[in-house]
N, C-alpha and C. Protein backbone atom coordinates (compact mmCIF):
# COMPACT_ATOMS: atom_id res chain seq x y z
N MET A 1 88.25 60.53 31.82
CA MET A 1 89.34 60.40 32.77
C MET A 1 89.43 61.78 33.68
N ILE A 2 88.96 62.49 32.67
CA ILE A 2 89.01 64.06 33.37
C ILE A 2 87.87 64.04 34.60
N ASP A 3 86.74 63.24 34.77
CA ASP A 3 85.59 62.82 35.49
C ASP A 3 86.32 62.64 36.87
N GLU A 4 87.35 61.46 36.38
CA GLU A 4 87.93 60.75 37.65
C GLU A 4 89.14 61.65 38.12
N LYS A 5 89.72 62.40 37.85
CA LYS A 5 90.76 63.36 38.08
C LYS A 5 89.91 64.78 39.03
N LEU A 6 88.58 65.00 38.81
CA LEU A 6 88.13 66.30 39.41
C LEU A 6 87.49 65.63 40.42
N ALA A 7 87.13 64.09 40.08
CA ALA A 7 86.61 63.73 41.62
C ALA A 7 87.93 63.46 42.62
N ARG A 8 88.93 63.10 42.01
CA ARG A 8 90.23 63.01 43.08
C ARG A 8 90.53 64.56 43.63
N LEU A 9 90.21 65.78 42.79
CA LEU A 9 90.71 66.70 43.38
C LEU A 9 89.82 67.45 44.14
N ARG A 10 88.30 66.91 44.09
CA ARG A 10 87.40 67.00 44.78
C ARG A 10 87.74 66.63 46.32
N THR A 11 87.80 65.27 46.28
CA THR A 11 88.29 64.46 47.44
C THR A 11 89.46 65.11 48.28
N HIS A 12 90.58 65.41 47.40
CA HIS A 12 91.41 66.04 48.24
C HIS A 12 91.42 67.49 48.95
N ARG A 13 90.48 67.95 48.29
CA ARG A 13 89.83 69.34 48.62
C ARG A 13 89.22 69.25 50.28
N ASN A 14 87.89 68.02 50.09
CA ASN A 14 87.50 67.74 51.44
C ASN A 14 88.26 67.34 52.38
N ASN A 15 89.32 66.83 51.98
CA ASN A 15 89.97 66.01 53.39
C ASN A 15 91.08 67.18 54.04
N ILE A 16 91.59 68.27 53.11
CA ILE A 16 92.05 69.42 53.56
C ILE A 16 91.09 70.05 54.66
N ASP A 17 89.80 70.31 53.76
CA ASP A 17 88.80 71.13 54.76
C ASP A 17 88.66 70.43 56.33
N ARG A 18 88.55 69.21 55.90
CA ARG A 18 88.45 68.08 57.40
C ARG A 18 89.68 68.65 58.07
N TYR A 19 90.97 68.29 57.85
CA TYR A 19 91.73 68.29 58.20
C TYR A 19 92.02 69.82 59.34
N ARG A 20 91.74 71.08 58.44
CA ARG A 20 91.90 72.30 58.74
C ARG A 20 90.76 72.25 59.99
N ARG A 21 89.39 71.93 59.68
CA ARG A 21 88.86 71.80 60.94
C ARG A 21 88.81 71.16 62.25
N LEU A 22 89.96 70.18 62.02
CA LEU A 22 90.37 69.09 63.04
C LEU A 22 91.26 70.19 63.59
N LEU A 23 92.16 70.86 63.09
CA LEU A 23 93.18 71.26 63.60
C LEU A 23 92.65 72.46 64.61
N LYS A 24 91.27 73.09 64.26
CA LYS A 24 90.57 74.20 65.16
C LYS A 24 90.07 73.52 66.93
N THR A 25 90.38 72.05 66.77
CA THR A 25 89.67 71.32 67.85
C THR A 25 90.95 71.61 68.90
N ARG A 26 90.79 70.99 70.22
CA ARG A 26 91.33 70.45 71.58
C ARG A 26 91.72 69.44 70.81
N LEU A 27 93.61 69.41 70.78
CA LEU A 27 94.19 67.98 70.10
C LEU A 27 95.14 67.86 71.46
N THR A 28 95.91 67.10 71.25
CA THR A 28 97.08 66.64 72.04
C THR A 28 98.24 67.14 71.10
N GLU A 29 99.44 67.21 71.06
CA GLU A 29 100.42 67.73 70.47
C GLU A 29 100.66 66.24 69.70
N LEU A 30 100.73 65.16 69.92
CA LEU A 30 100.88 64.01 68.99
C LEU A 30 99.58 63.99 67.85
N GLU A 31 98.50 63.91 68.42
CA GLU A 31 97.27 64.40 67.44
C GLU A 31 97.39 65.27 66.33
N ARG A 32 98.12 66.33 66.94
CA ARG A 32 98.17 67.68 66.20
C ARG A 32 99.31 67.40 64.88
N GLN A 33 100.32 67.08 65.60
CA GLN A 33 101.53 66.71 65.03
C GLN A 33 100.79 65.54 63.22
N TYR A 34 100.06 64.81 63.93
CA TYR A 34 99.84 63.56 62.98
C TYR A 34 98.91 64.36 61.66
N ILE A 35 97.70 65.19 62.23
CA ILE A 35 97.02 65.90 61.68
C ILE A 35 97.73 66.70 60.73
N GLU A 36 98.75 67.46 61.05
CA GLU A 36 99.59 68.64 60.01
C GLU A 36 100.40 67.80 58.96
N ALA A 37 100.46 66.33 59.61
CA ALA A 37 101.45 65.89 58.31
C ALA A 37 100.62 65.05 57.26
N ARG A 38 99.26 65.11 57.69
CA ARG A 38 98.10 64.90 56.47
C ARG A 38 97.58 65.56 55.76
N LEU A 39 97.75 66.49 56.42
CA LEU A 39 97.34 67.71 55.85
C LEU A 39 98.26 68.50 54.85
N SER A 40 99.74 68.44 55.31
CA SER A 40 100.55 68.59 54.21
C SER A 40 100.42 67.76 52.97
N GLU A 41 100.53 66.32 53.47
CA GLU A 41 100.28 65.46 52.16
C GLU A 41 99.30 65.81 51.29
N GLU A 42 98.49 65.94 51.85
CA GLU A 42 96.96 66.00 51.36
C GLU A 42 96.86 67.58 50.07
N GLN A 43 97.79 68.22 50.84
CA GLN A 43 98.39 69.74 49.95
C GLN A 43 99.22 69.12 48.95
N SER A 44 99.93 68.67 48.99
CA SER A 44 100.94 68.40 47.94
C SER A 44 100.39 67.43 46.86
N ALA A 45 99.50 66.33 47.23
CA ALA A 45 98.79 65.58 46.12
C ALA A 45 98.03 66.27 45.56
N LEU A 46 97.39 67.38 46.19
CA LEU A 46 95.92 68.13 45.29
C LEU A 46 96.83 69.25 44.30
N GLU A 47 98.01 69.53 45.14
CA GLU A 47 98.78 70.43 44.11
C GLU A 47 99.33 69.51 42.45
N LYS A 48 99.75 68.20 42.99
CA LYS A 48 100.49 67.75 41.92
C LYS A 48 99.34 67.36 40.85
N LEU A 49 98.22 66.88 41.52
CA LEU A 49 97.04 66.28 40.55
C LEU A 49 96.72 67.80 39.63
N ALA A 50 96.49 68.82 40.44
CA ALA A 50 95.72 69.83 39.74
C ALA A 50 96.96 70.55 38.44
N ALA A 51 98.23 70.21 39.02
CA ALA A 51 99.09 70.48 38.10
C ALA A 51 99.03 69.75 36.57
N SER A 52 98.59 68.60 37.15
CA SER A 52 98.92 67.08 35.95
C SER A 52 97.48 67.52 35.02
N THR A 53 96.27 67.82 36.05
CA THR A 53 95.36 68.07 35.41
C THR A 53 94.54 69.39 34.48
N PHE A 54 95.39 70.64 35.25
CA PHE A 54 95.18 71.75 34.44
C PHE A 54 96.87 71.92 34.05
N PRO A 55 97.12 72.07 33.17
CA PRO A 55 98.97 71.97 33.05
C PRO A 55 99.47 73.38 32.54
N LEU A 56 98.15 74.13 31.78
CA LEU A 56 98.89 75.63 31.67
C LEU A 56 98.24 76.62 32.61
N ALA A 57 99.32 76.96 33.08
CA ALA A 57 98.95 78.30 33.83
C ALA A 57 99.27 79.49 33.73
N PHE A 58 98.27 80.37 33.85
CA PHE A 58 98.11 81.90 33.26
C PHE A 58 98.14 83.04 34.62
N GLN A 59 99.19 83.97 33.97
CA GLN A 59 99.51 84.76 34.89
C GLN A 59 99.01 86.45 34.39
N ALA A 60 98.34 87.15 35.04
CA ALA A 60 98.02 88.65 34.64
C ALA A 60 99.24 89.41 34.35
N PRO A 61 99.55 90.18 33.57
CA PRO A 61 100.53 90.46 33.10
C PRO A 61 100.74 91.69 34.08
N ARG A 62 102.19 92.09 34.58
CA ARG A 62 102.17 93.21 35.70
C ARG A 62 102.69 94.18 35.13
N ILE A 63 101.93 95.39 35.37
CA ILE A 63 102.65 96.96 34.89
C ILE A 63 103.82 97.31 35.75
N GLN A 64 104.68 97.61 35.13
CA GLN A 64 105.85 98.05 35.57
C GLN A 64 106.07 99.68 35.35
N ASN A 65 105.20 100.72 35.54
CA ASN A 65 105.42 101.33 35.10
C ASN A 65 105.91 102.45 36.43
N SER A 66 106.91 102.83 36.76
CA SER A 66 107.07 103.30 38.07
C SER A 66 106.55 104.82 38.36
N ASN A 67 106.36 105.31 37.40
CA ASN A 67 105.52 106.50 37.28
C ASN A 67 104.03 106.69 37.74
N THR A 68 103.50 105.40 38.10
CA THR A 68 101.84 105.33 38.55
C THR A 68 101.73 105.95 39.75
N GLN A 69 101.06 106.50 40.02
CA GLN A 69 100.69 107.34 41.59
C GLN A 69 99.02 106.91 42.07
N PRO A 70 99.02 106.24 43.24
CA PRO A 70 97.88 105.90 43.52
C PRO A 70 96.71 106.98 43.50
N PRO A 71 95.71 106.51 43.15
CA PRO A 71 94.64 107.45 43.40
C PRO A 71 94.15 108.43 44.75
N ILE A 72 94.12 109.85 44.61
CA ILE A 72 94.05 110.81 45.44
C ILE A 72 92.64 110.74 45.91
N SER A 73 92.28 110.56 47.36
CA SER A 73 91.05 110.35 47.84
C SER A 73 90.65 111.60 47.90
N SER A 74 89.34 111.54 47.69
CA SER A 74 88.62 112.98 48.02
C SER A 74 87.74 113.05 49.35
N ALA A 75 88.16 112.00 49.84
CA ALA A 75 87.79 112.42 52.10
C ALA A 75 88.46 113.09 52.69
N ALA A 76 89.35 113.88 52.06
CA ALA A 76 90.41 114.65 53.21
C ALA A 76 89.71 115.58 54.05
């Protein structure tokens, strides 16, 4: 089951890459709109599948110390 989902993720990623490459070429406005719509659909499908495949999302803890100063550069 996980292998099938990983293959689908890879397919979506490849399609997204292909659409992005196509958008860098000369296109008519109609072609551009079509490809942008397909790109958006692929990105949505990828995000949905990734969320269902890897349901846990980890975030790095944020430091909320307002007294933190940026490092002083010695190249002055």
